[in-house]
Amino acid sequence: MFAMLMGLKGIAPRELQARIGTGAPTVFDLNAERSWLQARVPGARHLAPDFEAAALPADLATSLVFYCSNPLCRKAPNAARRAEKLGYTDVRVMSAGIAGWLGAGLPTESGA
């Protein structure tokens, strides 16, 4: 919801799953580390909301997807906006968050 209000591009959980199959996006989970350890989108990297620019890929054309807990969470949209300001050109937010991913019955990873 906040992503749309901020003018950011969104991506649905099933669309993200299809893109992960092609290896295209770099996916970032902005939830607390304990949540990331419990369940995350396969291949998602944990990212703190106050991340350093060096935590993102060097190639500004890399496809980036950010998500957090649910549609009311602001961490992913804020991170996406920051990535855009850093010059990244293909930035999206999975507004449904991990709650939407789980609700769609999609597979997850867990652990360190």
N, C-alpha and C. Protein backbone atom coordinates (compact mmCIF):
# COMPACT_ATOMS: atom_id res chain seq x y z
N MET A 1 0.82 -1.19 0.00
CA MET A 1 0.00 0.00 0.00
C MET A 1 0.87 1.26 0.00
N PHE A 2 1.86 1.32 0.90
CA PHE A 2 2.72 2.50 0.96
C PHE A 2 3.56 2.64 -0.30
N ALA A 3 3.96 1.50 -0.88
CA ALA A 3 4.75 1.56 -2.11
C ALA A 3 3.98 2.28 -3.21
N MET A 4 2.71 1.94 -3.35
CA MET A 4 1.88 2.57 -4.38
C MET A 4 1.73 4.06 -4.10
N LEU A 5 1.50 4.41 -2.84
CA LEU A 5 1.34 5.81 -2.46
C LEU A 5 2.64 6.61 -2.71
N MET A 6 3.76 5.91 -2.62
CA MET A 6 5.06 6.55 -2.84
C MET A 6 5.46 6.54 -4.31
N GLY A 7 4.60 6.00 -5.18
CA GLY A 7 4.90 5.97 -6.61
C GLY A 7 5.91 4.91 -7.01
N LEU A 8 6.07 3.89 -6.18
CA LEU A 8 7.03 2.83 -6.46
C LEU A 8 6.36 1.70 -7.23
N LYS A 9 7.15 0.97 -8.02
CA LYS A 9 6.63 -0.18 -8.74
C LYS A 9 6.46 -1.34 -7.76
N GLY A 10 5.39 -2.08 -7.95
CA GLY A 10 5.14 -3.23 -7.10
C GLY A 10 5.34 -4.53 -7.86
N ILE A 11 5.35 -5.61 -7.11
CA ILE A 11 5.43 -6.94 -7.68
C ILE A 11 4.64 -7.88 -6.76
N ALA A 12 3.83 -8.72 -7.35
CA ALA A 12 3.03 -9.69 -6.60
C ALA A 12 3.88 -10.90 -6.23
N PRO A 13 3.53 -11.60 -5.14
CA PRO A 13 4.32 -12.76 -4.74
C PRO A 13 4.52 -13.79 -5.85
N ARG A 14 3.49 -14.16 -6.58
CA ARG A 14 3.64 -15.18 -7.62
C ARG A 14 4.51 -14.68 -8.78
N GLU A 15 4.41 -13.40 -9.10
CA GLU A 15 5.27 -12.85 -10.15
C GLU A 15 6.73 -12.87 -9.69
N LEU A 16 6.96 -12.54 -8.42
CA LEU A 16 8.33 -12.59 -7.90
C LEU A 16 8.85 -14.01 -7.95
N GLN A 17 8.03 -14.98 -7.57
CA GLN A 17 8.46 -16.37 -7.62
C GLN A 17 8.88 -16.76 -9.04
N ALA A 18 8.11 -16.34 -10.03
CA ALA A 18 8.44 -16.64 -11.43
C ALA A 18 9.77 -15.99 -11.82
N ARG A 19 10.01 -14.77 -11.38
CA ARG A 19 11.26 -14.08 -11.71
C ARG A 19 12.46 -14.70 -11.01
N ILE A 20 12.24 -15.18 -9.78
CA ILE A 20 13.32 -15.84 -9.06
C ILE A 20 13.77 -17.07 -9.84
N GLY A 21 12.83 -17.73 -10.49
CA GLY A 21 13.15 -18.90 -11.30
C GLY A 21 14.11 -18.60 -12.44
N THR A 22 14.12 -17.36 -12.90
CA THR A 22 15.03 -16.96 -13.98
C THR A 22 16.33 -16.38 -13.42
N GLY A 23 16.38 -16.21 -12.10
CA GLY A 23 17.58 -15.66 -11.46
C GLY A 23 17.72 -14.17 -11.62
N ALA A 24 16.67 -13.48 -12.06
CA ALA A 24 16.77 -12.06 -12.38
C ALA A 24 16.90 -11.13 -11.17
N PRO A 25 15.99 -11.12 -10.20
CA PRO A 25 16.09 -10.08 -9.18
C PRO A 25 16.99 -10.45 -8.01
N THR A 26 17.53 -9.43 -7.38
CA THR A 26 18.16 -9.58 -6.08
C THR A 26 17.09 -9.16 -5.07
N VAL A 27 16.76 -10.06 -4.16
CA VAL A 27 15.64 -9.85 -3.24
C VAL A 27 16.17 -9.55 -1.84
N PHE A 28 15.61 -8.51 -1.22
CA PHE A 28 16.02 -8.09 0.11
C PHE A 28 14.83 -8.13 1.08
N ASP A 29 15.05 -8.77 2.22
CA ASP A 29 14.07 -8.87 3.30
C ASP A 29 14.47 -7.86 4.37
N LEU A 30 13.57 -6.93 4.69
CA LEU A 30 13.86 -5.90 5.68
C LEU A 30 13.24 -6.18 7.04
N ASN A 31 12.76 -7.39 7.26
CA ASN A 31 12.20 -7.77 8.55
C ASN A 31 13.31 -7.93 9.58
N ALA A 32 12.93 -8.02 10.85
CA ALA A 32 13.90 -8.28 11.91
C ALA A 32 14.62 -9.59 11.62
N GLU A 33 15.85 -9.71 12.06
CA GLU A 33 16.63 -10.90 11.74
C GLU A 33 15.95 -12.18 12.21
N ARG A 34 15.31 -12.16 13.37
CA ARG A 34 14.65 -13.38 13.86
C ARG A 34 13.52 -13.80 12.92
N SER A 35 12.82 -12.84 12.32
CA SER A 35 11.77 -13.16 11.34
C SER A 35 12.38 -13.72 10.07
N TRP A 36 13.48 -13.12 9.63
CA TRP A 36 14.18 -13.59 8.43
C TRP A 36 14.66 -15.02 8.63
N LEU A 37 15.13 -15.35 9.84
CA LEU A 37 15.59 -16.70 10.12
C LEU A 37 14.44 -17.71 10.13
N GLN A 38 13.24 -17.26 10.49
CA GLN A 38 12.08 -18.17 10.55
C GLN A 38 11.54 -18.49 9.17
N ALA A 39 11.34 -17.49 8.34
CA ALA A 39 10.78 -17.72 7.00
C ALA A 39 11.09 -16.52 6.11
N ARG A 40 11.59 -16.83 4.92
CA ARG A 40 11.92 -15.78 3.95
C ARG A 40 11.71 -16.30 2.54
N VAL A 41 11.62 -15.37 1.61
CA VAL A 41 11.56 -15.72 0.20
C VAL A 41 12.88 -16.43 -0.14
N PRO A 42 12.84 -17.55 -0.86
CA PRO A 42 14.07 -18.26 -1.19
C PRO A 42 15.11 -17.34 -1.86
N GLY A 43 16.30 -17.36 -1.30
CA GLY A 43 17.39 -16.54 -1.84
C GLY A 43 17.43 -15.11 -1.34
N ALA A 44 16.44 -14.70 -0.55
CA ALA A 44 16.40 -13.31 -0.06
C ALA A 44 17.57 -13.04 0.89
N ARG A 45 18.13 -11.86 0.75
CA ARG A 45 19.19 -11.40 1.64
C ARG A 45 18.58 -10.55 2.72
N HIS A 46 19.08 -10.69 3.94
CA HIS A 46 18.60 -9.83 5.03
C HIS A 46 19.25 -8.47 4.89
N LEU A 47 18.46 -7.41 5.08
CA LEU A 47 18.96 -6.05 4.95
C LEU A 47 18.37 -5.21 6.08
N ALA A 48 19.21 -4.52 6.80
CA ALA A 48 18.74 -3.64 7.86
C ALA A 48 18.11 -2.40 7.24
N PRO A 49 17.08 -1.83 7.86
CA PRO A 49 16.45 -0.63 7.30
C PRO A 49 17.41 0.55 7.12
N ASP A 50 18.46 0.61 7.94
CA ASP A 50 19.44 1.70 7.83
C ASP A 50 20.69 1.24 7.08
N PHE A 51 20.49 0.44 6.03
CA PHE A 51 21.59 -0.17 5.29
C PHE A 51 22.54 0.85 4.68
N GLU A 52 23.78 0.40 4.52
CA GLU A 52 24.80 1.19 3.81
C GLU A 52 24.64 0.93 2.32
N ALA A 53 24.95 1.88 1.50
CA ALA A 53 24.84 1.73 0.04
C ALA A 53 25.66 0.54 -0.45
N ALA A 54 26.76 0.24 0.20
CA ALA A 54 27.63 -0.87 -0.21
C ALA A 54 26.94 -2.23 -0.04
N ALA A 55 25.82 -2.29 0.68
CA ALA A 55 25.08 -3.55 0.87
C ALA A 55 24.32 -3.95 -0.39
N LEU A 56 24.15 -3.01 -1.31
CA LEU A 56 23.45 -3.27 -2.56
C LEU A 56 24.44 -3.65 -3.66
N PRO A 57 23.98 -4.34 -4.71
CA PRO A 57 24.90 -4.68 -5.81
C PRO A 57 25.51 -3.43 -6.43
N ALA A 58 26.70 -3.58 -6.96
CA ALA A 58 27.40 -2.45 -7.57
C ALA A 58 26.74 -1.98 -8.86
N ASP A 59 26.14 -2.90 -9.61
CA ASP A 59 25.51 -2.58 -10.90
C ASP A 59 24.16 -1.89 -10.67
N LEU A 60 24.06 -0.64 -11.06
CA LEU A 60 22.84 0.13 -10.84
C LEU A 60 21.66 -0.35 -11.68
N ALA A 61 21.91 -1.19 -12.67
CA ALA A 61 20.84 -1.74 -13.50
C ALA A 61 20.30 -3.07 -12.96
N THR A 62 20.88 -3.56 -11.87
CA THR A 62 20.42 -4.80 -11.26
C THR A 62 18.97 -4.66 -10.82
N SER A 63 18.18 -5.68 -11.07
CA SER A 63 16.79 -5.70 -10.64
C SER A 63 16.75 -5.97 -9.14
N LEU A 64 16.14 -5.05 -8.37
CA LEU A 64 16.05 -5.17 -6.92
C LEU A 64 14.59 -5.29 -6.50
N VAL A 65 14.32 -6.17 -5.54
CA VAL A 65 12.99 -6.30 -4.95
C VAL A 65 13.16 -6.25 -3.44
N PHE A 66 12.36 -5.40 -2.80
CA PHE A 66 12.38 -5.25 -1.35
C PHE A 66 11.04 -5.68 -0.78
N TYR A 67 11.06 -6.32 0.39
CA TYR A 67 9.81 -6.64 1.08
C TYR A 67 10.04 -6.61 2.58
N CYS A 68 8.95 -6.47 3.32
CA CYS A 68 9.01 -6.55 4.77
C CYS A 68 7.89 -7.46 5.24
N SER A 69 7.15 -7.09 6.26
CA SER A 69 6.19 -8.04 6.85
C SER A 69 4.84 -8.11 6.17
N ASN A 70 4.25 -6.97 5.84
CA ASN A 70 2.88 -6.95 5.31
C ASN A 70 2.62 -5.63 4.59
N PRO A 71 1.43 -5.45 4.01
CA PRO A 71 1.16 -4.22 3.25
C PRO A 71 1.25 -2.92 4.04
N LEU A 72 1.17 -3.00 5.36
CA LEU A 72 1.22 -1.78 6.16
C LEU A 72 2.62 -1.42 6.64
N CYS A 73 3.58 -2.28 6.35
CA CYS A 73 4.96 -2.05 6.75
C CYS A 73 5.60 -1.02 5.82
N ARG A 74 6.36 -0.11 6.37
CA ARG A 74 6.98 0.96 5.58
C ARG A 74 8.46 0.72 5.29
N LYS A 75 9.07 -0.30 5.90
CA LYS A 75 10.51 -0.50 5.74
C LYS A 75 10.90 -0.79 4.29
N ALA A 76 10.18 -1.66 3.61
CA ALA A 76 10.52 -2.00 2.22
C ALA A 76 10.33 -0.81 1.28
N PRO A 77 9.19 -0.10 1.34
CA PRO A 77 9.06 1.07 0.47
C PRO A 77 10.14 2.13 0.73
N ASN A 78 10.49 2.34 2.00
CA ASN A 78 11.54 3.31 2.30
C ASN A 78 12.88 2.88 1.74
N ALA A 79 13.19 1.58 1.83
CA ALA A 79 14.45 1.06 1.28
C ALA A 79 14.46 1.19 -0.24
N ALA A 80 13.32 0.90 -0.87
CA ALA A 80 13.23 1.00 -2.33
C ALA A 80 13.42 2.45 -2.78
N ARG A 81 12.81 3.36 -2.08
CA ARG A 81 12.97 4.78 -2.40
C ARG A 81 14.44 5.18 -2.27
N ARG A 82 15.09 4.70 -1.23
CA ARG A 82 16.50 5.02 -1.03
C ARG A 82 17.35 4.44 -2.17
N ALA A 83 17.04 3.21 -2.59
CA ALA A 83 17.77 2.59 -3.71
C ALA A 83 17.61 3.43 -4.98
N GLU A 84 16.40 3.90 -5.22
CA GLU A 84 16.18 4.76 -6.39
C GLU A 84 17.01 6.03 -6.30
N LYS A 85 17.08 6.62 -5.12
CA LYS A 85 17.87 7.84 -4.95
C LYS A 85 19.36 7.58 -5.14
N LEU A 86 19.78 6.33 -4.89
CA LEU A 86 21.18 5.95 -5.10
C LEU A 86 21.47 5.68 -6.58
N GLY A 87 20.42 5.68 -7.42
CA GLY A 87 20.61 5.53 -8.85
C GLY A 87 20.17 4.20 -9.45
N TYR A 88 19.60 3.31 -8.64
CA TYR A 88 19.13 2.02 -9.18
C TYR A 88 17.89 2.27 -10.03
N THR A 89 17.84 1.58 -11.17
CA THR A 89 16.79 1.87 -12.16
C THR A 89 15.68 0.84 -12.23
N ASP A 90 15.86 -0.34 -11.65
CA ASP A 90 14.84 -1.39 -11.67
C ASP A 90 14.55 -1.82 -10.25
N VAL A 91 13.70 -1.06 -9.58
CA VAL A 91 13.41 -1.26 -8.16
C VAL A 91 11.92 -1.54 -7.99
N ARG A 92 11.61 -2.58 -7.23
CA ARG A 92 10.22 -2.94 -6.96
C ARG A 92 10.04 -3.29 -5.49
N VAL A 93 8.77 -3.25 -5.06
CA VAL A 93 8.41 -3.61 -3.69
C VAL A 93 7.35 -4.69 -3.75
N MET A 94 7.56 -5.76 -2.99
CA MET A 94 6.52 -6.77 -2.83
C MET A 94 5.71 -6.31 -1.61
N SER A 95 4.68 -5.50 -1.88
CA SER A 95 3.91 -4.88 -0.81
C SER A 95 3.21 -5.88 0.10
N ALA A 96 2.88 -7.04 -0.42
CA ALA A 96 2.20 -8.06 0.39
C ALA A 96 3.10 -8.55 1.51
N GLY A 97 4.40 -8.37 1.35
CA GLY A 97 5.35 -8.79 2.36
C GLY A 97 5.40 -10.30 2.51
N ILE A 98 6.12 -10.74 3.53
CA ILE A 98 6.23 -12.18 3.76
C ILE A 98 4.87 -12.76 4.11
N ALA A 99 4.00 -11.97 4.71
CA ALA A 99 2.65 -12.45 5.02
C ALA A 99 1.90 -12.82 3.74
N GLY A 100 2.02 -12.02 2.71
CA GLY A 100 1.38 -12.31 1.43
C GLY A 100 2.01 -13.50 0.74
N TRP A 101 3.33 -13.62 0.86
CA TRP A 101 4.04 -14.76 0.28
C TRP A 101 3.55 -16.06 0.93
N LEU A 102 3.49 -16.06 2.26
CA LEU A 102 3.01 -17.24 2.98
C LEU A 102 1.55 -17.51 2.67
N GLY A 103 0.75 -16.44 2.60
CA GLY A 103 -0.68 -16.58 2.28
C GLY A 103 -0.93 -17.19 0.91
N ALA A 104 0.01 -16.98 0.00
CA ALA A 104 -0.11 -17.55 -1.35
C ALA A 104 0.39 -18.99 -1.39
N GLY A 105 0.87 -19.49 -0.26
CA GLY A 105 1.34 -20.86 -0.19
C GLY A 105 2.65 -21.12 -0.91
N LEU A 106 3.46 -20.07 -1.06
CA LEU A 106 4.73 -20.19 -1.77
C LEU A 106 5.82 -20.72 -0.84
N PRO A 107 6.84 -21.37 -1.39
CA PRO A 107 7.89 -21.97 -0.55
C PRO A 107 8.76 -20.91 0.10
N THR A 108 9.32 -21.28 1.24
CA THR A 108 10.20 -20.38 1.97
C THR A 108 11.50 -21.09 2.32
N GLU A 109 12.46 -20.29 2.74
CA GLU A 109 13.70 -20.78 3.33
C GLU A 109 13.70 -20.35 4.77
N SER A 110 14.50 -21.02 5.59
CA SER A 110 14.65 -20.62 6.98
C SER A 110 16.06 -20.94 7.44
N GLY A 111 16.41 -20.47 8.62
CA GLY A 111 17.74 -20.70 9.17
C GLY A 111 18.75 -19.70 8.67
N ALA A 112 19.99 -19.91 9.14
CA ALA A 112 21.06 -18.97 8.80
C ALA A 112 21.61 -19.21 7.41
